[in-house]
């Protein structure tokens, strides 16, 4: 009898359940805690009940569980790419499954993954992934929106909306720069070889 009891004590931490012994009702064990018969307890996100010798949970689970993968928590149904392995992964009810990918055949740009041959945009440039994190881009300068007008890269526009005088803007790859400030009392900005000299009138 002593051997049987010792055997049962060894099994208890492994099974998480107490067997029903003759002569009395025995509760359950979960996460190292004793639970009385009829008491409710949470297993994952499910509300379960302790019955004589075992824990009964809803089947299927009443709510899906989140996934913990490499230190990051993902919601049930989330799909993501592992930044270290390039694997395409998905979270389903607490379990992460991944489809292996070879990083050498893809590119990672600004935290996004692209397959070899896939094209994508960076600002106004169209780029293509050559694999092994190498990309090739066709240089295309961005236009500017100045005074509600689209101005191409390198072009100038004069804004005469200020009653004190005019402002001359130049478009520099999506960024507008004041080339001349002809307003009364304002500074004059000269653009020379990319160096701005500010002269007070």
Protein backbone atom coordinates (compact mmCIF):
# COMPACT_ATOMS: atom_id res chain seq x y z
CA UNK A 1 0.00 0.00 0.00
CA UNK A 2 2.88 2.36 0.83
CA UNK A 3 4.39 1.72 -2.60
CA UNK A 4 1.08 2.58 -4.29
CA UNK A 5 0.79 5.85 -2.34
CA UNK A 6 4.36 6.85 -3.19
CA UNK A 7 3.67 6.09 -6.84
CA UNK A 8 0.56 8.30 -6.75
CA UNK A 9 2.45 11.17 -5.09
CA UNK A 10 5.04 11.07 -7.87
CA UNK A 11 2.31 11.17 -10.54
CA UNK A 12 0.36 14.10 -9.06
CA UNK A 13 2.64 16.95 -10.28
CA UNK A 14 2.76 15.38 -13.74
CA UNK A 15 -0.96 14.84 -14.30
CA UNK A 16 -2.31 17.90 -12.48
CA UNK A 17 -5.12 15.68 -11.20
CA UNK A 18 -5.81 13.82 -7.98
CA UNK A 19 -7.17 10.30 -8.37
CA UNK A 20 -10.32 9.44 -6.49
CA UNK A 21 -9.33 7.35 -3.50
CA UNK A 22 -11.66 5.03 -1.73
CA UNK A 23 -13.33 6.50 1.26
CA UNK A 24 -13.56 10.14 0.27
CA UNK A 25 -13.75 12.82 -2.45
CA UNK A 26 -10.44 14.35 -3.47
CA UNK A 27 -10.10 17.65 -5.30
CA UNK A 28 -7.76 18.71 -8.11
CA UNK A 29 -4.32 20.24 -8.45
CA UNK A 30 -3.47 23.02 -10.90
CA UNK A 31 -0.29 25.12 -11.13
CA UNK A 32 0.83 23.74 -7.77
CA UNK A 33 -2.41 24.69 -5.97
CA UNK A 34 -5.13 22.47 -4.50
CA UNK A 35 -8.65 23.05 -5.78
CA UNK A 36 -11.78 21.76 -4.04
CA UNK A 37 -14.46 19.81 -5.88
CA UNK A 38 -17.00 22.16 -7.45
CA UNK A 39 -14.68 25.16 -7.42
CA UNK A 40 -13.99 27.10 -10.63
CA UNK A 41 -10.52 27.89 -11.86
CA UNK A 42 -8.97 29.51 -14.93
CA UNK A 43 -6.92 27.31 -17.24
CA UNK A 44 -5.51 29.57 -19.91
CA UNK A 45 -8.51 31.78 -20.65
CA UNK A 46 -11.11 29.07 -20.02
CA UNK A 47 -13.32 28.86 -16.94
CA UNK A 48 -12.99 25.26 -15.79
CA UNK A 49 -14.45 23.24 -12.90
CA UNK A 50 -12.86 20.76 -10.51
CA UNK A 51 -14.75 17.45 -10.46
CA UNK A 52 -13.70 14.41 -8.42
CA UNK A 53 -10.17 13.75 -9.52
CA UNK A 54 -10.05 15.89 -12.68
CA UNK A 55 -10.46 19.36 -14.11
CA UNK A 56 -13.20 19.74 -16.71
CA UNK A 57 -12.84 22.54 -19.29
CA UNK A 58 -15.06 23.57 -22.21
CA UNK A 59 -14.30 21.79 -25.45
CA UNK A 60 -13.43 23.44 -27.75
CA UNK A 61 -11.93 26.29 -25.67
CA UNK A 62 -14.33 29.20 -25.17
CA UNK A 63 -11.74 31.83 -26.06
CA UNK A 64 -8.53 31.63 -28.10
CA UNK A 65 -5.24 32.23 -26.34
CA UNK A 66 -2.47 34.66 -27.24
CA UNK A 67 0.94 33.39 -28.34
CA UNK A 68 4.33 34.24 -26.88
CA UNK A 69 7.06 33.95 -29.54
CA UNK A 70 10.66 35.07 -29.01
CA UNK A 71 9.60 37.54 -26.31
CA UNK A 72 6.70 39.09 -28.28
CA UNK A 73 2.98 38.48 -27.59
CA UNK A 74 0.76 37.92 -30.65
CA UNK A 75 -3.04 37.77 -30.71
CA UNK A 76 -4.89 34.71 -31.96
CA UNK A 77 -5.03 34.94 -35.77
CA UNK A 78 -2.00 37.24 -36.08
CA UNK A 79 0.36 36.49 -38.96
CA UNK A 80 3.92 37.77 -38.83
CA UNK A 81 7.43 37.31 -40.18
CA UNK A 82 10.29 36.45 -37.87
CA UNK A 83 12.91 39.18 -38.26
CA UNK A 84 15.71 36.75 -37.36
CA UNK A 85 14.79 33.76 -39.52
CA UNK A 86 12.45 35.25 -42.20
CA UNK A 87 9.97 32.46 -41.34
CA UNK A 88 6.31 33.23 -42.03
CA UNK A 89 4.45 32.50 -38.78
CA UNK A 90 0.89 32.49 -37.46
CA UNK A 91 -0.64 32.42 -33.96
CA UNK A 92 -3.54 30.04 -33.39
CA UNK A 93 -4.96 29.51 -29.89
CA UNK A 94 -1.66 29.80 -28.06
CA UNK A 95 0.44 27.92 -30.61
CA UNK A 96 2.80 29.48 -33.16
CA UNK A 97 3.39 27.62 -36.41
CA UNK A 98 6.03 28.79 -38.89
CA UNK A 99 6.82 28.03 -42.51
CA UNK A 100 10.60 28.16 -42.99
CA UNK A 101 11.96 30.78 -45.39
CA UNK A 102 15.47 31.51 -46.59
CA UNK A 103 16.58 35.04 -45.71
CA UNK A 104 19.15 34.92 -48.50
CA UNK A 105 16.38 35.04 -51.08
CA UNK A 106 14.69 38.10 -49.61
CA UNK A 107 15.27 41.69 -48.48
CA UNK A 108 14.40 43.48 -45.27
CA UNK A 109 13.78 47.22 -45.70
CA UNK A 110 12.49 49.43 -42.89
CA UNK A 111 11.31 46.34 -40.98
CA UNK A 112 9.36 44.90 -43.94
CA UNK A 113 10.28 41.72 -45.80
CA UNK A 114 10.22 41.41 -49.60
CA UNK A 115 10.81 38.30 -51.67
CA UNK A 116 13.47 38.22 -54.39
CA UNK A 117 12.08 39.97 -57.48
CA UNK A 118 9.35 41.80 -55.55
CA UNK A 119 9.06 45.54 -56.19
CA UNK A 120 8.15 48.16 -53.61
CA UNK A 121 8.23 51.93 -53.04
CA UNK A 122 10.60 53.93 -50.87
CA UNK A 123 9.34 57.50 -50.86
CA UNK A 124 9.09 58.32 -54.58
CA UNK A 125 11.50 55.60 -55.72
CA UNK A 126 10.49 52.22 -57.14
CA UNK A 127 12.82 49.50 -55.88
CA UNK A 128 13.25 45.78 -56.50
CA UNK A 129 14.63 43.11 -54.17
CA UNK A 130 17.67 41.34 -55.64
CA UNK A 131 17.97 38.93 -52.70
CA UNK A 132 20.50 38.77 -49.86
CA UNK A 133 19.22 42.17 -48.65
CA UNK A 134 20.35 43.90 -51.86
CA UNK A 135 17.95 46.31 -53.53
CA UNK A 136 18.06 48.35 -56.72
CA UNK A 137 16.07 51.58 -57.04
CA UNK A 138 15.20 53.80 -59.99
CA UNK A 139 15.93 57.30 -58.78
CA UNK A 140 12.85 59.43 -59.03
CA UNK A 141 12.60 62.72 -57.21
CA UNK A 142 9.44 63.54 -55.30
CA UNK A 143 7.38 66.59 -56.26
CA UNK A 144 6.27 69.19 -53.69
CA UNK A 145 2.90 70.65 -52.82
CA UNK A 146 3.51 74.39 -52.49
CA UNK A 147 0.68 76.93 -52.18
CA UNK A 148 -1.80 74.20 -53.24
CA UNK A 149 0.18 73.54 -56.43
CA UNK A 150 2.21 70.47 -57.40
CA UNK A 151 5.77 71.55 -58.15
CA UNK A 152 8.29 69.15 -59.70
CA UNK A 153 11.76 68.60 -58.22
CA UNK A 154 14.08 71.52 -59.06
CA UNK A 155 11.27 73.85 -60.14
CA UNK A 156 10.55 77.18 -58.49
CA UNK A 157 7.28 78.86 -57.63
CA UNK A 158 6.50 82.38 -56.42
CA UNK A 159 3.96 82.79 -53.65
CA UNK A 160 2.44 86.28 -53.65
CA UNK A 161 -0.20 85.69 -50.98
CA UNK A 162 1.63 87.69 -48.32
CA UNK A 163 0.77 91.43 -48.49
CA UNK A 164 4.33 92.28 -47.40
CA UNK A 165 5.85 90.78 -50.57
CA UNK A 166 6.65 87.51 -52.34
CA UNK A 167 8.32 84.29 -51.37
CA UNK A 168 10.14 82.18 -53.97
CA UNK A 169 10.17 78.46 -53.16
CA UNK A 170 12.21 75.70 -54.80
CA UNK A 171 11.25 72.01 -54.66
CA UNK A 172 14.03 69.71 -53.45
CA UNK A 173 12.96 66.04 -53.63
CA UNK A 174 9.67 66.50 -51.83
CA UNK A 175 10.88 69.26 -49.51
CA UNK A 176 10.21 72.93 -50.14
CA UNK A 177 12.96 75.46 -49.52
CA UNK A 178 12.69 79.23 -49.53
CA UNK A 179 15.03 80.52 -52.23
CA UNK A 180 14.10 84.20 -51.91
CA UNK A 181 12.19 86.12 -49.27
CA UNK A 182 11.13 89.45 -50.80
CA UNK A 183 8.77 90.44 -48.00
CA UNK A 184 9.35 93.88 -46.46
CA UNK A 185 11.38 93.48 -43.30
CA UNK A 186 12.10 89.80 -44.01
CA UNK A 187 15.44 88.10 -44.62
CA UNK A 188 16.73 87.32 -48.11
CA UNK A 189 17.73 83.70 -48.52
CA UNK A 190 20.15 82.85 -51.31
CA UNK A 191 20.73 79.26 -52.36
CA UNK A 192 24.21 78.73 -53.78
CA UNK A 193 25.49 75.22 -54.47
CA UNK A 194 23.31 73.93 -51.64
CA UNK A 195 24.66 76.49 -49.12
CA UNK A 196 22.21 79.03 -47.75
CA UNK A 197 23.42 82.49 -46.82
CA UNK A 198 20.96 84.53 -44.82
CA UNK A 199 21.36 88.24 -45.29
CA UNK A 200 19.37 90.79 -43.39
CA UNK A 201 18.02 93.61 -45.52
